[in-house]
Amino acid sequence: MRKVQVGVVQMSCTADKQANLEKAISKIREASAKGAQIICLQELFTSLYFCDVEDYDNFDLAEPIPGPSTDQLSAVAKELGVVIIASLFEKRAEGLYHNTTAVLDADGAYLGKYRKMHIPDDPAYYEKFYFTPGDLGYKVFKTKFGKIGVLICWDQWYPEASRITALMGAEILFYPTAIGWATDQDEETNKDQYNAWQTIQRSHAVANGVPVVSVNRVGFEQDGAMKFWGGSFVTNGQGRILYLGSHEEEETAVVELDLDEADYFRKHWPFLRDRRIETYAPITKRFIDED
């Protein structure tokens, strides 16, 4: 059986970009010491979640990819022999920015990047102010330990994104994430929101027969107005929870995934076989209006 050890780094962040990067590297080392081969960091891990406000000064947090952060992480990946999935604020050109994840292979090689396709705009999540929607399409990366697909946060609500990435051959779907609760919100609403978030991603595992790894940040930000809810998790290809993170604490966990299970699940639940692709053209419409 082809087994891979996946590392999940759920952490809190500060306003100090270099300190956040060094903290992430420390946790990558911790995951590697526990046996991790592919290590996923949370969305925009080098900073606080700055999209809570529309502030031009926050564009100064962006950097080219490849660039300074990927250079440091590449050296760590090579030293430890691990794959690193790193979500960063990309400055592509003057006035052009993306929410981007870079993938570094176990020999330190930069394999490429995925630019977030679905960009939200909600109270405290003003991402459209900062990020141009991705234009690289959906991506898979052939790493030393398997072929992985990477999507980012808001992408996780769209089954089309996970389906296309799985059809491209992804053996694991990774979702670096930054999502939380407003601290003036009631507990029932908090629970409903978290359950919806987890359920939609577990459904991607079921529909495609591949594991899902979702890595969220944790802790209070926005002067205490937002509690990032952690709750990072890993499923197998039938949506069974293999690891579930705390809502309160930083965690570095390592989970074993069996990549050969996909063949079993897809034989016994042959969703890909039974897809009626000739009937799906209407999905490309914004809305199917009545004549």
C-alpha atoms as a PDB file:
ATOM      1  CA  MET A   1       0.000   0.000   0.000  1.00  0.00           C
ATOM      2  CA  ARG A   2       1.125   3.555  -0.757  1.00  0.00           C
ATOM      3  CA  LYS A   3       0.999   5.407   2.525  1.00  0.00           C
ATOM      4  CA  VAL A   4       1.942   9.006   3.212  1.00  0.00           C
ATOM      5  CA  GLN A   5       2.324  10.901   6.462  1.00  0.00           C
ATOM      6  CA  VAL A   6       0.582  14.288   6.303  1.00  0.00           C
ATOM      7  CA  GLY A   7       1.467  17.092   8.720  1.00  0.00           C
ATOM      8  CA  VAL A   8      -1.102  19.693   9.801  1.00  0.00           C
ATOM      9  CA  VAL A   9       0.127  22.967  11.351  1.00  0.00           C
ATOM     10  CA  GLN A  10      -2.652  24.913  13.101  1.00  0.00           C
ATOM     11  CA  MET A  11      -1.251  28.063  14.689  1.00  0.00           C
ATOM     12  CA  SER A  12      -1.962  31.617  15.798  1.00  0.00           C
ATOM     13  CA  CYS A  13      -0.257  34.623  14.219  1.00  0.00           C
ATOM     14  CA  THR A  14       0.986  38.072  15.177  1.00  0.00           C
ATOM     15  CA  ALA A  15       1.699  41.305  13.307  1.00  0.00           C
ATOM     16  CA  ASP A  16       5.399  40.347  12.951  1.00  0.00           C
ATOM     17  CA  LYS A  17       5.823  38.707   9.545  1.00  0.00           C
ATOM     18  CA  GLN A  18       9.296  37.277  10.136  1.00  0.00           C
ATOM     19  CA  ALA A  19       8.310  35.931  13.569  1.00  0.00           C
ATOM     20  CA  ASN A  20       5.326  34.136  12.002  1.00  0.00           C
ATOM     21  CA  LEU A  21       7.557  32.595   9.337  1.00  0.00           C
ATOM     22  CA  GLU A  22      10.065  31.443  11.941  1.00  0.00           C
ATOM     23  CA  LYS A  23       7.263  29.987  14.051  1.00  0.00           C
ATOM     24  CA  ALA A  24       5.911  28.103  11.047  1.00  0.00           C
ATOM     25  CA  ILE A  25       9.371  26.732  10.288  1.00  0.00           C
ATOM     26  CA  SER A  26       9.686  25.572  13.891  1.00  0.00           C
ATOM     27  CA  LYS A  27       6.378  23.741  13.577  1.00  0.00           C
ATOM     28  CA  ILE A  28       7.428  22.245  10.230  1.00  0.00           C
ATOM     29  CA  ARG A  29      10.458  20.837  12.048  1.00  0.00           C
ATOM     30  CA  GLU A  30       8.173  19.485  14.766  1.00  0.00           C
ATOM     31  CA  ALA A  31       5.921  17.800  12.193  1.00  0.00           C
ATOM     32  CA  SER A  32       8.919  16.347  10.389  1.00  0.00           C
ATOM     33  CA  ALA A  33      10.271  14.934  13.661  1.00  0.00           C
ATOM     34  CA  LYS A  34       6.912  13.173  14.062  1.00  0.00           C
ATOM     35  CA  GLY A  35       7.315  11.596  10.633  1.00  0.00           C
ATOM     36  CA  ALA A  36       5.438  13.998   8.375  1.00  0.00           C
ATOM     37  CA  GLN A  37       6.269  13.865   4.666  1.00  0.00           C
ATOM     38  CA  ILE A  38       3.821  16.487   3.312  1.00  0.00           C
ATOM     39  CA  ILE A  39       3.235  19.479   5.604  1.00  0.00           C
ATOM     40  CA  CYS A  40       0.452  21.996   5.058  1.00  0.00           C
ATOM     41  CA  LEU A  41       0.389  25.474   6.617  1.00  0.00           C
ATOM     42  CA  GLN A  42      -2.738  27.584   7.062  1.00  0.00           C
ATOM     43  CA  GLU A  43      -3.869  30.401   4.780  1.00  0.00           C
ATOM     44  CA  LEU A  44      -1.742  33.588   4.867  1.00  0.00           C
ATOM     45  CA  PHE A  45       0.306  32.269   7.795  1.00  0.00           C
ATOM     46  CA  THR A  46       2.962  35.013   7.720  1.00  0.00           C
ATOM     47  CA  SER A  47       0.579  37.703   8.984  1.00  0.00           C
ATOM     48  CA  LEU A  48      -2.571  38.437  10.873  1.00  0.00           C
ATOM     49  CA  TYR A  49      -5.666  38.013   8.720  1.00  0.00           C
ATOM     50  CA  PHE A  50      -5.507  41.550   7.336  1.00  0.00           C
ATOM     51  CA  CYS A  51      -8.612  41.341   5.131  1.00  0.00           C
ATOM     52  CA  ASP A  52     -10.817  42.435   8.035  1.00  0.00           C
ATOM     53  CA  VAL A  53     -10.241  46.023   6.848  1.00  0.00           C
ATOM     54  CA  GLU A  54      -9.659  47.776   3.533  1.00  0.00           C
ATOM     55  CA  ASP A  55      -6.276  49.376   4.187  1.00  0.00           C
ATOM     56  CA  TYR A  56      -3.784  50.193   1.434  1.00  0.00           C
ATOM     57  CA  ASP A  57      -0.876  49.770   3.846  1.00  0.00           C
ATOM     58  CA  ASN A  58      -1.594  46.040   3.996  1.00  0.00           C
ATOM     59  CA  PHE A  59      -0.404  45.627   0.421  1.00  0.00           C
ATOM     60  CA  ASP A  60       3.096  46.041   1.843  1.00  0.00           C
ATOM     61  CA  LEU A  61       2.746  42.533   3.283  1.00  0.00           C
ATOM     62  CA  ALA A  62       2.810  41.011  -0.209  1.00  0.00           C
ATOM     63  CA  GLU A  63       5.865  39.484  -1.859  1.00  0.00           C
ATOM     64  CA  PRO A  64       6.786  37.790  -5.133  1.00  0.00           C
ATOM     65  CA  ILE A  65       6.437  34.015  -5.487  1.00  0.00           C
ATOM     66  CA  PRO A  66       9.047  32.601  -5.709  1.00  0.00           C
ATOM     67  CA  GLY A  67      10.491  35.099  -3.272  1.00  0.00           C
ATOM     68  CA  PRO A  68      11.929  35.563   0.220  1.00  0.00           C
ATOM     69  CA  SER A  69       9.517  33.264   2.073  1.00  0.00           C
ATOM     70  CA  THR A  70       9.643  30.464  -0.465  1.00  0.00           C
ATOM     71  CA  ASP A  71      13.443  30.703  -0.483  1.00  0.00           C
ATOM     72  CA  GLN A  72      13.575  30.102   3.275  1.00  0.00           C
ATOM     73  CA  LEU A  73      10.987  27.340   3.134  1.00  0.00           C
ATOM     74  CA  SER A  74      12.709  25.665   0.198  1.00  0.00           C
ATOM     75  CA  ALA A  75      15.890  25.352   2.243  1.00  0.00           C
ATOM     76  CA  VAL A  76      13.919  23.774   5.099  1.00  0.00           C
ATOM     77  CA  ALA A  77      12.101  21.389   2.734  1.00  0.00           C
ATOM     78  CA  LYS A  78      15.435  20.234   1.304  1.00  0.00           C
ATOM     79  CA  GLU A  79      17.062  19.884   4.729  1.00  0.00           C
ATOM     80  CA  LEU A  80      14.209  17.817   6.150  1.00  0.00           C
ATOM     81  CA  GLY A  81      13.188  15.987   2.976  1.00  0.00           C
ATOM     82  CA  VAL A  82       9.568  17.119   3.238  1.00  0.00           C
ATOM     83  CA  VAL A  83       6.996  18.699   0.937  1.00  0.00           C
ATOM     84  CA  ILE A  84       5.744  22.100   2.156  1.00  0.00           C
ATOM     85  CA  ILE A  85       2.434  23.720   1.159  1.00  0.00           C
ATOM     86  CA  ALA A  86       2.744  27.445   1.904  1.00  0.00           C
ATOM     87  CA  SER A  87      -0.058  30.003   1.534  1.00  0.00           C
ATOM     88  CA  LEU A  88       1.262  33.526   0.874  1.00  0.00           C
ATOM     89  CA  PHE A  89       0.157  37.008  -0.205  1.00  0.00           C
ATOM     90  CA  GLU A  90       1.584  37.323  -3.714  1.00  0.00           C
ATOM     91  CA  LYS A  91       2.648  40.549  -5.380  1.00  0.00           C
ATOM     92  CA  ARG A  92       2.567  39.650  -9.050  1.00  0.00           C
ATOM     93  CA  ALA A  93       3.178  43.153 -10.426  1.00  0.00           C
ATOM     94  CA  GLU A  94       2.604  46.757  -9.405  1.00  0.00           C
ATOM     95  CA  GLY A  95      -1.036  46.930  -8.314  1.00  0.00           C
ATOM     96  CA  LEU A  96      -1.697  43.231  -9.011  1.00  0.00           C
ATOM     97  CA  TYR A  97      -1.975  40.833  -6.072  1.00  0.00           C
ATOM     98  CA  HIS A  98      -3.163  37.274  -5.453  1.00  0.00           C
ATOM     99  CA  ASN A  99      -3.922  34.927  -2.564  1.00  0.00           C
ATOM    100  CA  THR A 100      -1.512  32.184  -3.575  1.00  0.00           C
ATOM    101  CA  THR A 101      -0.170  28.873  -2.326  1.00  0.00           C
ATOM    102  CA  ALA A 102       3.308  27.676  -3.288  1.00  0.00           C
ATOM    103  CA  VAL A 103       4.341  24.021  -3.253  1.00  0.00           C
ATOM    104  CA  LEU A 104       7.937  23.030  -2.463  1.00  0.00           C
ATOM    105  CA  ASP A 105       9.067  19.480  -3.080  1.00  0.00           C
ATOM    106  CA  ALA A 106      11.131  17.333  -0.724  1.00  0.00           C
ATOM    107  CA  ASP A 107      14.370  18.264  -2.503  1.00  0.00           C
ATOM    108  CA  GLY A 108      13.600  21.963  -2.070  1.00  0.00           C
ATOM    109  CA  ALA A 109      12.438  22.431  -5.666  1.00  0.00           C
ATOM    110  CA  TYR A 110       9.714  24.999  -6.282  1.00  0.00           C
ATOM    111  CA  LEU A 111       6.966  23.045  -8.058  1.00  0.00           C
ATOM    112  CA  GLY A 112       4.661  25.952  -8.763  1.00  0.00           C
ATOM    113  CA  LYS A 113       1.723  27.837  -7.302  1.00  0.00           C
ATOM    114  CA  TYR A 114      -2.041  27.907  -7.188  1.00  0.00           C
ATOM    115  CA  ARG A 115      -3.879  31.236  -7.096  1.00  0.00           C
ATOM    116  CA  LYS A 116      -7.157  31.292  -5.184  1.00  0.00           C
ATOM    117  CA  MET A 117     -10.025  31.237  -7.644  1.00  0.00           C
ATOM    118  CA  HIS A 118     -13.040  32.140  -5.484  1.00  0.00           C
ATOM    119  CA  ILE A 119     -12.617  35.461  -3.683  1.00  0.00           C
ATOM    120  CA  PRO A 120     -15.121  36.362  -0.913  1.00  0.00           C
ATOM    121  CA  ASP A 121     -16.363  39.776   0.106  1.00  0.00           C
ATOM    122  CA  ASP A 122     -18.182  39.727   3.435  1.00  0.00           C
ATOM    123  CA  PRO A 123     -18.026  41.754   6.650  1.00  0.00           C
ATOM    124  CA  ALA A 124     -14.517  41.200   8.087  1.00  0.00           C
ATOM    125  CA  TYR A 125     -13.498  39.250   4.951  1.00  0.00           C
ATOM    126  CA  TYR A 126     -12.880  41.997   2.394  1.00  0.00           C
ATOM    127  CA  GLU A 127     -10.718  39.900   0.122  1.00  0.00           C
ATOM    128  CA  LYS A 128     -11.889  41.434  -3.147  1.00  0.00           C
ATOM    129  CA  PHE A 129     -10.137  44.652  -2.094  1.00  0.00           C
ATOM    130  CA  TYR A 130      -6.789  42.829  -2.045  1.00  0.00           C
ATOM    131  CA  PHE A 131      -6.887  39.799  -4.333  1.00  0.00           C
ATOM    132  CA  THR A 132      -7.320  39.380  -8.070  1.00  0.00           C
ATOM    133  CA  PRO A 133      -9.071  36.047  -8.814  1.00  0.00           C
ATOM    134  CA  GLY A 134      -6.715  33.284  -9.833  1.00  0.00           C
ATOM    135  CA  ASP A 135      -5.940  32.865 -13.526  1.00  0.00           C
ATOM    136  CA  LEU A 136      -3.792  29.718 -13.468  1.00  0.00           C
ATOM    137  CA  GLY A 137      -6.745  27.353 -13.373  1.00  0.00           C
ATOM    138  CA  TYR A 138      -6.951  24.445 -10.978  1.00  0.00           C
ATOM    139  CA  LYS A 139      -3.636  22.810 -10.242  1.00  0.00           C
ATOM    140  CA  VAL A 140      -2.111  19.518  -9.182  1.00  0.00           C
ATOM    141  CA  PHE A 141       1.509  19.025  -8.159  1.00  0.00           C
ATOM    142  CA  LYS A 142       3.564  15.852  -8.590  1.00  0.00           C
ATOM    143  CA  THR A 143       5.524  15.677  -5.354  1.00  0.00           C
ATOM    144  CA  LYS A 144       7.918  13.005  -4.123  1.00  0.00           C
ATOM    145  CA  PHE A 145       5.168  11.520  -1.939  1.00  0.00           C
ATOM    146  CA  GLY A 146       2.143  11.786  -4.201  1.00  0.00           C
ATOM    147  CA  LYS A 147       0.120  13.920  -6.580  1.00  0.00           C
ATOM    148  CA  ILE A 148      -1.614  16.639  -4.580  1.00  0.00           C
ATOM    149  CA  GLY A 149      -4.285  19.214  -5.326  1.00  0.00           C
ATOM    150  CA  VAL A 150      -4.318  22.564  -3.539  1.00  0.00           C
ATOM    151  CA  LEU A 151      -7.330  24.840  -3.135  1.00  0.00           C
ATOM    152  CA  ILE A 152      -7.682  27.778  -0.735  1.00  0.00           C
ATOM    153  CA  CYS A 153     -10.339  28.590   1.898  1.00  0.00           C
ATOM    154  CA  TRP A 154     -13.379  30.045   0.051  1.00  0.00           C
ATOM    155  CA  ASP A 155     -12.727  27.502  -2.717  1.00  0.00           C
ATOM    156  CA  GLN A 156     -13.802  24.841  -0.234  1.00  0.00           C
ATOM    157  CA  TRP A 157     -17.489  25.715  -0.658  1.00  0.00           C
ATOM    158  CA  TYR A 158     -17.458  24.897  -4.388  1.00  0.00           C
ATOM    159  CA  PRO A 159     -17.804  21.247  -5.429  1.00  0.00           C
ATOM    160  CA  GLU A 160     -16.814  22.214  -8.967  1.00  0.00           C
ATOM    161  CA  ALA A 161     -13.315  23.149  -7.766  1.00  0.00           C
ATOM    162  CA  SER A 162     -12.724  19.899  -5.898  1.00  0.00           C
ATOM    163  CA  ARG A 163     -14.178  17.815  -8.720  1.00  0.00           C
ATOM    164  CA  ILE A 164     -11.960  19.367 -11.386  1.00  0.00           C
ATOM    165  CA  THR A 165      -8.873  19.053  -9.196  1.00  0.00           C
ATOM    166  CA  ALA A 166      -9.659  15.399  -8.482  1.00  0.00           C
ATOM    167  CA  LEU A 167     -10.294  14.726 -12.187  1.00  0.00           C
ATOM    168  CA  MET A 168      -6.813  16.126 -12.866  1.00  0.00           C
ATOM    169  CA  GLY A 169      -5.439  13.274 -10.772  1.00  0.00           C
ATOM    170  CA  ALA A 170      -5.075  14.745  -7.295  1.00  0.00           C
ATOM    171  CA  GLU A 171      -4.619  11.982  -4.727  1.00  0.00           C
ATOM    172  CA  ILE A 172      -5.156  14.346  -1.766  1.00  0.00           C
ATOM    173  CA  LEU A 173      -7.029  17.664  -1.620  1.00  0.00           C
ATOM    174  CA  PHE A 174      -5.453  20.325   0.621  1.00  0.00           C
ATOM    175  CA  TYR A 175      -7.282  23.446   1.830  1.00  0.00           C
ATOM    176  CA  PRO A 176      -5.200  26.094   3.633  1.00  0.00           C
ATOM    177  CA  THR A 177      -7.834  28.176   5.448  1.00  0.00           C
ATOM    178  CA  ALA A 178      -8.533  31.245   7.578  1.00  0.00           C
ATOM    179  CA  ILE A 179     -12.062  31.253   8.945  1.00  0.00           C
ATOM    180  CA  GLY A 180     -13.518  32.189  12.295  1.00  0.00           C
ATOM    181  CA  TRP A 181     -16.427  33.354  14.404  1.00  0.00           C
ATOM    182  CA  ALA A 182     -17.365  36.888  15.345  1.00  0.00           C
ATOM    183  CA  THR A 183     -17.025  36.957  19.137  1.00  0.00           C
ATOM    184  CA  ASP A 184     -20.431  38.642  19.554  1.00  0.00           C
ATOM    185  CA  GLN A 185     -22.099  35.672  17.860  1.00  0.00           C
ATOM    186  CA  ASP A 186     -24.229  33.086  19.708  1.00  0.00           C
ATOM    187  CA  GLU A 187     -22.988  29.550  20.279  1.00  0.00           C
ATOM    188  CA  GLU A 188     -25.675  27.872  18.136  1.00  0.00           C
ATOM    189  CA  THR A 189     -24.680  29.974  15.122  1.00  0.00           C
ATOM    190  CA  ASN A 190     -21.022  29.151  15.752  1.00  0.00           C
ATOM    191  CA  LYS A 191     -21.791  25.451  15.812  1.00  0.00           C
ATOM    192  CA  ASP A 192     -23.904  25.607  12.660  1.00  0.00           C
ATOM    193  CA  GLN A 193     -21.208  27.482  10.764  1.00  0.00           C
ATOM    194  CA  TYR A 194     -18.446  25.095  11.765  1.00  0.00           C
ATOM    195  CA  ASN A 195     -20.547  22.034  10.956  1.00  0.00           C
ATOM    196  CA  ALA A 196     -21.407  23.438   7.519  1.00  0.00           C
ATOM    197  CA  TRP A 197     -17.728  24.163   6.848  1.00  0.00           C
ATOM    198  CA  GLN A 198     -16.652  20.677   7.821  1.00  0.00           C
ATOM    199  CA  THR A 199     -19.563  18.939   6.078  1.00  0.00           C
ATOM    200  CA  ILE A 200     -19.014  20.553   2.679  1.00  0.00           C
ATOM    201  CA  GLN A 201     -15.366  19.516   2.694  1.00  0.00           C
ATOM    202  CA  ARG A 202     -16.098  15.980   3.859  1.00  0.00           C
ATOM    203  CA  SER A 203     -18.541  15.768   0.943  1.00  0.00           C
ATOM    204  CA  HIS A 204     -15.687  16.551  -1.462  1.00  0.00           C
ATOM    205  CA  ALA A 205     -13.815  13.542  -0.073  1.00  0.00           C
ATOM    206  CA  VAL A 206     -16.877  11.323  -0.550  1.00  0.00           C
ATOM    207  CA  ALA A 207     -17.742  12.558  -4.048  1.00  0.00           C
ATOM    208  CA  ASN A 208     -14.183  12.121  -5.309  1.00  0.00           C
ATOM    209  CA  GLY A 209     -12.943   9.194  -3.222  1.00  0.00           C
ATOM    210  CA  VAL A 210      -9.798  11.007  -2.043  1.00  0.00           C
ATOM    211  CA  PRO A 211      -8.640  12.346   1.343  1.00  0.00           C
ATOM    212  CA  VAL A 212      -9.196  15.970   2.319  1.00  0.00           C
ATOM    213  CA  VAL A 213      -6.809  17.950   4.546  1.00  0.00           C
ATOM    214  CA  SER A 214      -8.163  21.271   5.832  1.00  0.00           C
ATOM    215  CA  VAL A 215      -5.799  23.474   7.871  1.00  0.00           C
ATOM    216  CA  ASN A 216      -7.201  26.519   9.682  1.00  0.00           C
ATOM    217  CA  ARG A 217      -5.648  29.182  11.892  1.00  0.00           C
ATOM    218  CA  VAL A 218      -6.610  29.548  15.551  1.00  0.00           C
ATOM    219  CA  GLY A 219      -6.782  32.343  18.114  1.00  0.00           C
ATOM    220  CA  PHE A 220      -8.245  35.828  18.567  1.00  0.00           C
ATOM    221  CA  GLU A 221      -7.551  38.610  16.066  1.00  0.00           C
ATOM    222  CA  GLN A 222      -9.074  41.949  15.051  1.00  0.00           C
ATOM    223  CA  ASP A 223      -8.691  43.275  18.614  1.00  0.00           C
ATOM    224  CA  GLY A 224     -10.650  40.300  19.929  1.00  0.00           C
ATOM    225  CA  ALA A 225     -13.587  40.712  17.533  1.00  0.00           C
ATOM    226  CA  MET A 226     -12.758  37.522  15.619  1.00  0.00           C
ATOM    227  CA  LYS A 227     -11.975  34.073  16.983  1.00  0.00           C
ATOM    228  CA  PHE A 228     -10.425  31.888  14.301  1.00  0.00           C
ATOM    229  CA  TRP A 229     -11.938  28.556  15.100  1.00  0.00           C
ATOM    230  CA  GLY A 230      -9.141  26.109  14.353  1.00  0.00           C
ATOM    231  CA  GLY A 231     -10.874  22.762  13.997  1.00  0.00           C
ATOM    232  CA  SER A 232      -8.433  21.619  11.325  1.00  0.00           C
ATOM    233  CA  PHE A 233      -9.198  18.099  10.166  1.00  0.00           C
ATOM    234  CA  VAL A 234      -8.184  15.227   7.919  1.00  0.00           C
ATOM    235  CA  THR A 235     -10.557  12.735   6.298  1.00  0.00           C
ATOM    236  CA  ASN A 236     -10.104   9.586   4.294  1.00  0.00           C
ATOM    237  CA  GLY A 237     -11.740   9.148   0.887  1.00  0.00           C
ATOM    238  CA  GLN A 238     -15.105   8.297   2.438  1.00  0.00           C
ATOM    239  CA  GLY A 239     -15.210  11.416   4.560  1.00  0.00           C
ATOM    240  CA  ARG A 240     -14.318   9.637   7.809  1.00  0.00           C
ATOM    241  CA  ILE A 241     -12.562  11.966  10.246  1.00  0.00           C
ATOM    242  CA  LEU A 242      -9.024  10.745  10.944  1.00  0.00           C
ATOM    243  CA  TYR A 243      -7.904  13.836  12.846  1.00  0.00           C
ATOM    244  CA  LEU A 244      -9.815  16.751  14.375  1.00  0.00           C
ATOM    245  CA  GLY A 245      -8.065  19.789  15.805  1.00  0.00           C
ATOM    246  CA  SER A 246      -8.979  21.912  18.795  1.00  0.00           C
ATOM    247  CA  HIS A 247     -11.006  25.128  18.556  1.00  0.00           C
ATOM    248  CA  GLU A 248      -8.712  26.710  21.150  1.00  0.00           C
ATOM    249  CA  GLU A 249      -5.118  25.511  20.840  1.00  0.00           C
ATOM    250  CA  GLU A 250      -2.254  25.452  18.390  1.00  0.00           C
ATOM    251  CA  GLU A 251      -1.590  21.932  17.179  1.00  0.00           C
ATOM    252  CA  THR A 252       0.947  20.125  15.038  1.00  0.00           C
ATOM    253  CA  ALA A 253      -0.414  16.733  14.051  1.00  0.00           C
ATOM    254  CA  VAL A 254       0.676  13.959  11.716  1.00  0.00           C
ATOM    255  CA  VAL A 255      -1.856  11.655  10.065  1.00  0.00           C
ATOM    256  CA  GLU A 256      -1.209   8.585   7.914  1.00  0.00           C
ATOM    257  CA  LEU A 257      -3.142   8.391   4.643  1.00  0.00           C
ATOM    258  CA  ASP A 258      -3.423   5.345   2.400  1.00  0.00           C
ATOM    259  CA  LEU A 259      -3.413   6.556  -1.201  1.00  0.00           C
ATOM    260  CA  ASP A 260      -4.440   3.141  -2.529  1.00  0.00           C
ATOM    261  CA  GLU A 261      -7.811   3.411  -0.782  1.00  0.00           C
ATOM    262  CA  ALA A 262      -9.069   5.611  -3.627  1.00  0.00           C
ATOM    263  CA  ASP A 263      -9.237   2.602  -5.934  1.00  0.00           C
ATOM    264  CA  TYR A 264     -11.339   0.674  -3.409  1.00  0.00           C
ATOM    265  CA  PHE A 265     -13.704   3.555  -2.725  1.00  0.00           C
ATOM    266  CA  ARG A 266     -14.147   4.389  -6.389  1.00  0.00           C
ATOM    267  CA  LYS A 267     -14.865   0.749  -7.289  1.00  0.00           C
ATOM    268  CA  HIS A 268     -17.487   0.372  -4.581  1.00  0.00           C
ATOM    269  CA  TRP A 269     -18.945   3.889  -4.950  1.00  0.00           C
ATOM    270  CA  PRO A 270     -18.431   4.444  -8.709  1.00  0.00           C
ATOM    271  CA  PHE A 271     -19.410   8.096  -8.887  1.00  0.00           C
ATOM    272  CA  LEU A 272     -16.835   8.852 -11.574  1.00  0.00           C
ATOM    273  CA  ARG A 273     -18.089   5.980 -13.728  1.00  0.00           C
ATOM    274  CA  ASP A 274     -21.689   7.157 -13.550  1.00  0.00           C
ATOM    275  CA  ARG A 275     -21.154  10.847 -14.212  1.00  0.00           C
ATOM    276  CA  ARG A 276     -23.404  12.057 -17.054  1.00  0.00           C
ATOM    277  CA  ILE A 277     -20.999  14.604 -18.415  1.00  0.00           C
ATOM    278  CA  GLU A 278     -23.120  15.230 -21.508  1.00  0.00           C
ATOM    279  CA  THR A 279     -25.840  16.707 -19.269  1.00  0.00           C
ATOM    280  CA  TYR A 280     -23.676  19.151 -17.307  1.00  0.00           C
ATOM    281  CA  ALA A 281     -23.385  22.073 -19.749  1.00  0.00           C
ATOM    282  CA  PRO A 282     -25.925  24.201 -17.768  1.00  0.00           C
ATOM    283  CA  ILE A 283     -23.496  24.358 -14.832  1.00  0.00           C
ATOM    284  CA  THR A 284     -21.520  26.998 -16.719  1.00  0.00           C
ATOM    285  CA  LYS A 285     -24.451  29.428 -16.519  1.00  0.00           C
ATOM    286  CA  ARG A 286     -24.637  31.961 -13.646  1.00  0.00           C
ATOM    287  CA  PHE A 287     -28.275  30.978 -13.061  1.00  0.00           C
ATOM    288  CA  ILE A 288     -30.715  28.879 -15.081  1.00  0.00           C
ATOM    289  CA  ASP A 289     -33.561  31.297 -15.761  1.00  0.00           C
ATOM    290  CA  GLU A 290     -36.977  30.213 -16.902  1.00  0.00           C
ATOM    291  CA  ASP A 291     -37.811  30.954 -20.525  1.00  0.00           C
END
